[in-house]
Amino acid sequence: PDRDELVDMENFIKEVVKKVKVPLVIDSTDDKVIERALKYSQGKAIINSINLEDGEDRFKAITPLIHRYGAAVVVGTIDEEGMGVTAERKLEIARR
């Protein structure tokens, strides 16, 4: 079925924050959906996750949201070449 993730997230978050007082983990690939969830989250939220798998564009779209809303973020050591397996490769990706 066709769903509007932005509307679904807003409706869900508005209800969840009434019932729980713990950090929420937000999981979406859409920066607009992530921002909407952060807007309604109470306190620090956690974005799960960002990486460089599709290049730097998505990473750059999410980074300002992390700063604006004070969110924590899970960052995967994955880039266009795949997942970093060795410690050296993981550090190389992380330094980007």
Protein backbone atom coordinates (compact mmCIF):
# COMPACT_ATOMS: atom_id res chain seq x y z
CA PRO A 1 0.00 0.00 0.00
CA ASP A 2 1.08 3.53 -0.67
CA ARG A 3 1.87 5.30 2.58
CA ASP A 4 3.13 8.76 3.38
CA GLU A 5 6.11 8.13 5.66
CA LEU A 6 6.24 11.80 6.70
CA VAL A 7 2.62 11.79 7.89
CA ASP A 8 2.99 8.36 9.48
CA MET A 9 6.08 9.45 11.42
CA GLU A 10 4.48 12.66 12.65
CA ASN A 11 1.36 10.86 13.87
CA PHE A 12 3.41 8.11 15.51
CA ILE A 13 5.87 10.45 17.25
CA LYS A 14 3.09 12.69 18.58
CA GLU A 15 1.57 9.67 20.33
CA VAL A 16 4.80 8.04 21.47
CA VAL A 17 6.15 11.13 23.24
CA LYS A 18 3.00 11.20 25.38
CA LYS A 19 3.72 7.70 26.65
CA VAL A 20 7.50 7.29 26.91
CA LYS A 21 10.19 9.52 28.36
CA VAL A 22 13.28 7.84 26.94
CA PRO A 23 15.43 8.71 23.93
CA LEU A 24 13.84 7.57 20.68
CA VAL A 25 15.74 5.87 17.89
CA ILE A 26 14.70 7.30 14.53
CA ASP A 27 15.17 5.07 11.52
CA SER A 28 14.48 6.45 8.05
CA THR A 29 16.40 7.13 4.87
CA ASP A 30 14.45 10.34 4.25
CA ASP A 31 15.98 13.46 5.81
CA LYS A 32 12.57 15.19 5.90
CA VAL A 33 11.10 12.32 7.91
CA ILE A 34 14.08 12.35 10.26
CA GLU A 35 13.71 16.09 10.80
CA ARG A 36 9.99 15.77 11.50
CA ALA A 37 10.68 13.06 14.08
CA LEU A 38 13.43 15.15 15.70
CA LYS A 39 11.11 18.15 15.84
CA TYR A 40 8.59 16.27 17.96
CA SER A 41 11.03 14.22 20.03
CA GLN A 42 11.45 15.28 23.63
CA GLY A 43 15.07 15.40 24.68
CA LYS A 44 17.88 13.71 22.82
CA ALA A 45 16.99 11.33 20.01
CA ILE A 46 19.22 8.86 18.19
CA ILE A 47 19.38 8.68 14.40
CA ASN A 48 19.92 5.14 13.13
CA SER A 49 22.00 5.35 10.98
CA ILE A 50 24.03 7.21 8.39
CA ASN A 51 26.90 6.11 6.20
CA LEU A 52 28.62 6.94 2.92
CA GLU A 53 27.22 4.00 0.94
CA ASP A 54 25.59 6.30 -1.61
CA GLY A 55 28.22 9.02 -1.40
CA GLU A 56 28.25 12.12 0.76
CA ASP A 57 24.92 13.74 -0.20
CA ARG A 58 22.71 12.00 2.37
CA PHE A 59 25.40 12.35 5.02
CA LYS A 60 25.56 16.09 4.35
CA ALA A 61 21.75 16.36 4.48
CA ILE A 62 21.58 14.70 7.91
CA THR A 63 24.56 16.41 9.57
CA PRO A 64 22.86 19.82 10.03
CA LEU A 65 19.88 18.07 11.65
CA ILE A 66 22.18 16.37 14.14
CA HIS A 67 23.54 19.77 15.18
CA ARG A 68 20.21 21.63 15.08
CA TYR A 69 18.37 19.12 17.29
CA GLY A 70 21.29 17.83 19.36
CA ALA A 71 20.70 14.27 18.22
CA ALA A 72 23.04 11.37 18.66
CA VAL A 73 23.78 9.29 15.58
CA VAL A 74 24.90 5.80 14.70
CA VAL A 75 27.48 6.04 11.91
CA GLY A 76 28.32 2.98 9.85
CA THR A 77 31.77 2.58 8.36
CA ILE A 78 30.36 1.89 4.92
CA ASP A 79 31.17 3.81 1.75
CA GLU A 80 30.73 3.43 -2.00
CA GLU A 81 33.17 0.50 -1.96
CA GLY A 82 31.28 -1.37 0.76
CA MET A 83 31.67 -2.06 4.45
CA GLY A 84 35.02 -1.45 6.07
CA VAL A 85 36.28 -4.80 7.33
CA THR A 86 39.75 -4.06 8.62
CA ALA A 87 40.52 -1.52 11.32
CA GLU A 88 42.51 0.54 8.82
CA ARG A 89 39.65 0.62 6.31
CA LYS A 90 37.12 1.54 9.00
CA LEU A 91 39.31 4.45 10.11
CA GLU A 92 39.75 5.56 6.51
CA ILE A 93 35.99 5.73 6.05
CA ALA A 94 35.42 7.38 9.44
CA ARG A 95 37.92 10.14 8.65
CA ARG A 96 35.92 11.18 5.60
